[in-house]
Protein backbone atom coordinates (compact mmCIF):
# COMPACT_ATOMS: atom_id res chain seq x y z
CA MET A 1 -0.04 0.14 0.11
CA PRO A 2 1.39 3.44 -0.82
CA LEU A 3 2.51 6.17 1.60
CA ILE A 4 -0.29 8.68 2.28
CA ALA A 5 1.26 11.90 3.27
CA ASP A 6 -0.50 15.23 3.72
CA PRO A 7 1.08 17.72 1.37
CA THR A 8 2.03 19.93 4.27
CA SER A 9 4.27 17.17 5.74
CA ARG A 10 8.02 17.27 5.12
CA ILE A 11 9.75 13.76 4.39
CA SER A 12 13.49 14.18 3.74
CA ALA A 13 14.81 12.75 0.59
CA LEU A 14 17.30 10.88 2.75
CA ALA A 15 14.78 9.01 4.72
CA ASP A 16 14.58 5.26 3.87
CA ILE A 17 10.92 4.26 3.65
CA GLU A 18 10.47 0.71 2.51
CA GLU A 19 7.24 -0.38 0.51
CA SER A 20 5.30 -3.06 2.46
CA GLN A 21 4.63 -6.33 0.63
CA ARG A 22 1.81 -7.12 3.09
CA GLY A 23 -0.46 -4.14 2.67
CA THR A 24 0.86 -1.96 5.71
CA ARG A 25 -0.40 1.46 5.46
CA TYR A 26 1.67 4.56 6.08
CA ALA A 27 -0.08 7.82 6.89
CA ILE A 28 1.73 11.04 7.68
CA GLY A 29 -0.30 14.06 9.11
CA ALA A 30 -0.43 17.78 8.29
CA GLY A 31 2.93 19.45 9.05
CA SER A 32 4.75 16.49 10.40
CA ILE A 33 8.59 16.13 9.63
CA ILE A 34 10.36 12.84 8.79
CA ASP A 35 14.11 13.92 9.02
CA SER A 36 17.21 12.54 7.36
CA PHE A 37 18.31 8.97 7.92
CA VAL A 38 15.01 7.78 9.54
CA LYS A 39 14.37 4.31 8.41
CA ILE A 40 10.69 2.80 8.11
CA LYS A 41 10.70 -0.83 7.53
CA PRO A 42 7.60 -3.27 7.49
CA ALA A 43 8.81 -6.37 9.63
CA GLY A 44 7.21 -8.91 11.63
CA GLY A 45 3.64 -8.19 10.96
CA CYS A 46 1.18 -6.09 8.61
CA GLY A 47 0.50 -3.38 11.30
CA ASP A 48 -0.10 0.16 10.07
CA LEU A 49 2.16 3.26 10.91
CA LEU A 50 -0.13 6.18 11.49
CA ILE A 51 1.44 9.41 12.37
CA GLY A 52 -0.46 12.38 13.51
CA GLU A 53 -0.15 16.10 12.71
CA ARG A 54 2.63 18.29 13.65
CA VAL A 55 4.93 15.25 14.66
CA VAL A 56 8.86 15.46 14.50
CA ILE A 57 10.71 12.29 13.98
CA ASN A 58 14.48 13.04 14.12
CA SER A 59 17.43 11.71 12.33
CA GLY A 60 18.52 8.04 12.94
CA CYS A 61 15.17 6.81 14.12
CA VAL A 62 14.24 3.41 12.95
CA LEU A 63 10.35 2.28 13.00
CA TYR A 64 9.62 -1.27 12.25
CA THR A 65 6.00 -1.46 11.56
CA GLY A 66 5.41 -4.96 12.96
CA ASN A 67 2.17 -4.88 15.00
CA GLY A 68 1.51 -1.38 14.34
CA ILE A 69 2.55 2.02 15.36
CA VAL A 70 0.05 5.03 16.14
CA ILE A 71 1.73 8.33 17.03
CA GLY A 72 -0.61 11.29 18.25
CA ASP A 73 -0.55 14.85 17.31
CA ASP A 74 2.41 17.37 18.49
CA CYS A 75 4.91 14.67 19.39
CA ALA A 76 8.59 14.89 19.23
CA ILE A 77 10.87 11.98 18.90
CA ALA A 78 14.57 12.81 19.36
CA ALA A 79 17.40 11.28 17.37
CA ASN A 80 18.24 7.48 17.17
CA CYS A 81 15.28 5.99 18.70
CA VAL A 82 13.78 2.56 17.79
CA LEU A 83 10.16 1.57 17.79
CA ALA A 84 9.76 -2.11 17.47
CA PRO A 85 6.31 -3.21 17.76
CA VAL A 86 7.26 -6.97 17.38
CA ASN A 87 8.84 -9.90 19.32
CA HIS A 88 10.86 -12.76 18.06
CA GLU A 89 9.93 -16.15 18.95
CA TYR A 90 12.92 -18.00 20.48
CA SER A 91 11.62 -20.90 22.82
CA ARG A 92 12.55 -23.84 20.70
CA ARG A 93 16.17 -25.10 20.96
CA ASP A 94 15.88 -27.45 18.11
CA MET A 95 14.90 -24.53 15.69
CA LEU A 96 16.78 -21.39 14.59
CA ILE A 97 15.52 -18.47 16.07
CA ARG A 98 14.90 -16.81 12.70
CA ASP A 99 12.83 -19.77 11.66
CA GLN A 100 10.59 -19.67 14.60
CA ARG A 101 8.97 -16.27 13.26
CA PHE A 102 7.22 -13.86 15.71
CA LYS A 103 5.32 -13.94 19.04
CA PRO A 104 1.61 -13.02 19.01
CA SER A 105 0.95 -9.33 19.21
CA ARG A 106 0.96 -7.30 22.39
CA GLY A 107 -0.80 -4.59 20.76
CA GLY A 108 1.76 -2.73 18.83
CA ILE A 109 2.98 0.79 20.10
CA VAL A 110 0.53 3.55 20.93
CA ILE A 111 1.98 7.27 21.69
CA GLY A 112 -0.59 9.77 22.63
CA LYS A 113 -0.55 13.51 21.86
CA ASP A 114 1.99 16.06 23.08
CA VAL A 115 4.68 13.29 23.82
CA TRP A 116 8.36 14.01 23.95
CA ILE A 117 10.66 10.85 23.55
CA GLY A 118 14.19 11.76 24.37
CA ALA A 119 17.34 10.48 22.15
CA GLY A 120 17.97 6.89 21.97
CA CYS A 121 14.80 5.45 23.40
CA VAL A 122 13.56 1.95 22.51
CA LEU A 123 9.82 1.29 22.49
CA LEU A 124 8.57 -2.26 22.26
CA ASP A 125 5.45 -4.10 21.33
CA GLY A 126 2.68 -3.36 23.88
CA ALA A 127 4.15 0.12 24.86
CA VAL A 128 1.45 2.79 25.55
CA VAL A 129 2.62 6.13 26.26
CA GLU A 130 -0.32 8.36 27.18
CA ASP A 131 -0.79 12.27 26.29
CA GLY A 132 1.74 14.53 27.46
CA ALA A 133 4.34 11.97 28.75
CA VAL A 134 8.03 12.79 28.89
CA ILE A 135 10.56 10.03 28.25
CA GLY A 136 14.08 10.68 29.06
CA ALA A 137 17.08 9.85 26.73
CA MET A 138 18.22 6.11 26.61
CA SER A 139 15.07 4.76 28.14
CA LEU A 140 13.35 1.45 27.41
CA ILE A 141 9.58 1.60 27.22
CA ARG A 142 7.74 -1.60 27.13
CA GLY A 143 4.56 -1.09 29.02
CA HIS A 144 2.08 1.63 30.11
CA VAL A 145 3.37 5.19 30.82
CA GLU A 146 0.76 7.44 32.61
CA ALA A 147 -0.33 10.79 30.91
CA TYR A 148 1.72 13.97 31.88
CA SER A 149 4.42 11.85 33.73
CA VAL A 150 8.07 12.38 33.49
CA ASN A 151 10.05 8.97 33.18
CA ILE A 152 13.65 7.94 32.70
CA GLY A 153 15.80 4.71 32.65
CA THR A 154 16.02 1.10 32.03
CA PRO A 155 13.92 -0.18 33.53
CA LEU A 156 11.67 2.83 33.22
CA ARG A 157 10.70 4.61 36.36
CA GLN A 158 8.73 7.71 37.02
CA ILE A 159 10.57 10.78 38.35
CA GLY A 160 7.84 13.49 38.19
CA TRP A 161 5.03 15.20 36.65
CA ARG A 162 4.21 17.97 34.12
CA HIS A 163 2.57 20.80 35.81
C-alpha cells in the first residue's frame, strides 16, 4: 500500500521508507517532519504506521511497523530512537530463532498527543505512552506510561509530573 502523506508534511529525501509487501499502510499527518536517515521498515507483521499532525521524527530513528505504531499529534521523537512493535519467538532449541517467526502481538505501540521521547529510546511491542508524557534519553519503554508523567531509565521509572 502506498505512503499517504499530507502535502504539508515534510519527508527528507534522505529518509528510507521501504514499501510494504503485506499491505501495511503508512499515513503521515499535516505539518509532520520525517528527518534525514529515518528508516521505516515493514517487519514482523502487517500493522499500520499512523503518524499524527505536527509530529517530528528526528534523524537516525528506526520504525519497524510490526504490529502497528500510532503516534498522536504534536509529538517530538528525538534522534536515534527505535520503535519495534514485534517480538521474535525463541523458545525452541531445536529450531533457529529466525525460523521460529514472531510471537503474538501485544498491541503494537501507541503514543498519545504532546509526547516527548528523548534521544536513543527504545519502545517495544505493547508500549502505551499516554498524552503529555516525557521519556528521558536512553530509556526502554515496554509497558504503560501515565499521562503527563516524566520518566527515565532502564527499567523505566517515573521521576515526576508535568505541571
